[in-house]
């Protein structure tokens, strides 16, 4: 299944969201929404980035 491959490649950082969406044959917003079905986060923040953002909230 092409969608699963695109999700995995996105999760591994091998493809950008746009490239993965194109591979899957989906518009980027639809692909990004599908990531949740596979438990893949759209945003990848480090613990330090999360802590910094929390301080600035």
N, C-alpha and C. Protein backbone atom coordinates (compact mmCIF):
# COMPACT_ATOMS: atom_id res chain seq x y z
N UNK A 1 0.85 -1.18 0.00
CA UNK A 1 0.00 0.00 0.00
C UNK A 1 0.89 1.24 0.00
N UNK A 2 0.64 2.11 -0.96
CA UNK A 2 1.48 3.30 -1.15
C UNK A 2 1.33 4.28 0.02
N UNK A 3 0.12 4.42 0.54
CA UNK A 3 -0.09 5.35 1.66
C UNK A 3 0.76 4.95 2.86
N UNK A 4 0.78 3.68 3.18
CA UNK A 4 1.56 3.21 4.33
C UNK A 4 3.05 3.49 4.12
N UNK A 5 3.54 3.25 2.91
CA UNK A 5 4.94 3.52 2.60
C UNK A 5 5.24 5.01 2.73
N UNK A 6 4.34 5.85 2.24
CA UNK A 6 4.53 7.30 2.33
C UNK A 6 4.55 7.75 3.78
N UNK A 7 3.66 7.19 4.59
CA UNK A 7 3.62 7.53 6.02
C UNK A 7 4.93 7.14 6.69
N UNK A 8 5.41 5.95 6.40
CA UNK A 8 6.65 5.47 7.03
C UNK A 8 7.85 6.32 6.61
N UNK A 9 7.92 6.64 5.33
CA UNK A 9 9.02 7.47 4.86
C UNK A 9 8.97 8.86 5.48
N UNK A 10 7.77 9.40 5.65
CA UNK A 10 7.61 10.70 6.33
C UNK A 10 8.06 10.58 7.79
N UNK A 11 7.61 9.52 8.46
CA UNK A 11 7.95 9.31 9.87
C UNK A 11 9.46 9.20 10.06
N UNK A 12 10.13 8.55 9.12
CA UNK A 12 11.58 8.37 9.20
C UNK A 12 12.35 9.63 8.82
N UNK A 13 11.64 10.63 8.30
CA UNK A 13 12.29 11.87 7.89
C UNK A 13 12.91 11.78 6.51
N UNK A 14 12.56 10.75 5.76
CA UNK A 14 13.12 10.57 4.42
C UNK A 14 12.39 11.38 3.38
N UNK A 15 11.11 11.72 3.65
CA UNK A 15 10.31 12.55 2.74
C UNK A 15 9.67 13.69 3.51
N UNK A 16 9.55 14.82 2.86
CA UNK A 16 8.80 15.93 3.44
C UNK A 16 7.31 15.60 3.38
N UNK A 17 6.51 16.40 4.06
CA UNK A 17 5.07 16.19 4.02
C UNK A 17 4.52 16.31 2.62
N UNK A 18 5.01 17.27 1.87
CA UNK A 18 4.54 17.45 0.50
C UNK A 18 4.92 16.30 -0.42
N UNK A 19 6.17 15.84 -0.28
CA UNK A 19 6.64 14.73 -1.12
C UNK A 19 5.91 13.44 -0.76
N UNK A 20 5.68 13.22 0.52
CA UNK A 20 4.97 12.01 0.95
C UNK A 20 3.52 12.05 0.47
N UNK A 21 2.90 13.20 0.54
CA UNK A 21 1.53 13.34 0.06
C UNK A 21 1.46 13.06 -1.44
N UNK A 22 2.42 13.56 -2.16
CA UNK A 22 2.45 13.33 -3.61
C UNK A 22 2.63 11.84 -3.90
N UNK A 23 3.52 11.18 -3.18
CA UNK A 23 3.72 9.75 -3.35
C UNK A 23 2.42 8.98 -3.08
N UNK A 24 1.70 9.40 -2.04
CA UNK A 24 0.45 8.74 -1.66
C UNK A 24 -0.70 9.10 -2.60
N UNK A 25 -0.50 10.12 -3.43
CA UNK A 25 -1.56 10.55 -4.35
C UNK A 25 -2.67 11.31 -3.65
N UNK A 26 -2.31 12.01 -2.57
CA UNK A 26 -3.29 12.77 -1.79
C UNK A 26 -2.89 14.23 -1.71
N UNK A 27 -3.87 15.12 -1.55
CA UNK A 27 -3.51 16.50 -1.23
C UNK A 27 -2.80 16.54 0.13
N UNK A 28 -1.88 17.47 0.29
CA UNK A 28 -1.08 17.52 1.52
C UNK A 28 -1.94 17.61 2.78
N UNK A 29 -2.99 18.45 2.83
CA UNK A 29 -3.79 18.50 4.07
C UNK A 29 -4.44 17.15 4.40
N UNK A 30 -4.87 16.42 3.39
CA UNK A 30 -5.48 15.11 3.62
C UNK A 30 -4.43 14.12 4.12
N UNK A 31 -3.25 14.15 3.52
CA UNK A 31 -2.17 13.27 3.97
C UNK A 31 -1.81 13.57 5.42
N UNK A 32 -1.66 14.84 5.74
CA UNK A 32 -1.28 15.21 7.11
C UNK A 32 -2.35 14.75 8.11
N UNK A 33 -3.61 14.80 7.73
CA UNK A 33 -4.68 14.32 8.60
C UNK A 33 -4.62 12.80 8.75
N UNK A 34 -4.23 12.10 7.71
CA UNK A 34 -4.13 10.64 7.74
C UNK A 34 -3.02 10.16 8.67
N UNK A 35 -2.02 11.00 8.92
CA UNK A 35 -0.92 10.61 9.80
C UNK A 35 -1.44 10.18 11.17
N UNK A 36 -2.48 10.84 11.65
CA UNK A 36 -3.05 10.49 12.95
C UNK A 36 -3.57 9.06 12.98
N UNK A 37 -4.08 8.58 11.84
CA UNK A 37 -4.58 7.21 11.77
C UNK A 37 -3.48 6.19 12.04
N UNK A 38 -2.24 6.59 11.79
CA UNK A 38 -1.09 5.70 11.98
C UNK A 38 -0.27 6.08 13.21
N UNK A 39 -0.75 7.04 13.99
CA UNK A 39 -0.05 7.45 15.21
C UNK A 39 1.24 8.20 14.96
N UNK A 40 1.32 8.85 13.80
CA UNK A 40 2.52 9.61 13.44
C UNK A 40 2.25 11.09 13.68
N UNK A 41 3.05 11.75 14.52
CA UNK A 41 2.83 13.18 14.76
C UNK A 41 3.19 14.02 13.54
N UNK A 42 2.43 15.07 13.34
CA UNK A 42 2.69 16.00 12.24
C UNK A 42 3.90 16.86 12.58
N UNK A 43 4.00 17.27 13.83
CA UNK A 43 5.09 18.11 14.28
C UNK A 43 6.04 17.30 15.15
N UNK A 44 7.32 17.43 14.89
CA UNK A 44 8.33 16.69 15.65
C UNK A 44 9.16 17.69 16.44
N UNK A 45 8.80 17.85 17.70
CA UNK A 45 9.50 18.79 18.57
C UNK A 45 10.33 18.03 19.59
N UNK A 46 11.52 18.55 19.87
CA UNK A 46 12.35 17.96 20.90
C UNK A 46 11.80 18.36 22.27
N UNK A 47 12.26 17.69 23.31
CA UNK A 47 11.84 18.04 24.67
C UNK A 47 12.21 19.48 25.00
N UNK A 48 13.38 19.91 24.55
CA UNK A 48 13.80 21.30 24.81
C UNK A 48 12.87 22.29 24.12
N UNK A 49 12.47 22.00 22.89
CA UNK A 49 11.56 22.90 22.17
C UNK A 49 10.21 22.97 22.85
N UNK A 50 9.72 21.85 23.34
CA UNK A 50 8.44 21.83 24.04
C UNK A 50 8.53 22.64 25.33
N UNK A 51 9.62 22.46 26.08
CA UNK A 51 9.80 23.19 27.33
C UNK A 51 9.89 24.69 27.06
N UNK A 52 10.61 25.07 26.01
CA UNK A 52 10.76 26.48 25.66
C UNK A 52 9.41 27.08 25.28
N UNK A 53 8.65 26.34 24.51
CA UNK A 53 7.32 26.81 24.10
C UNK A 53 6.39 26.94 25.31
N UNK A 54 6.50 26.02 26.26
CA UNK A 54 5.67 26.05 27.46
C UNK A 54 5.97 27.29 28.29
N UNK A 55 7.24 27.68 28.35
CA UNK A 55 7.63 28.87 29.11
C UNK A 55 7.08 30.13 28.47
N UNK A 56 6.98 30.13 27.15
CA UNK A 56 6.53 31.33 26.42
C UNK A 56 5.01 31.40 26.27
N UNK A 57 4.31 30.41 26.78
CA UNK A 57 2.85 30.38 26.60
C UNK A 57 2.15 31.40 27.44
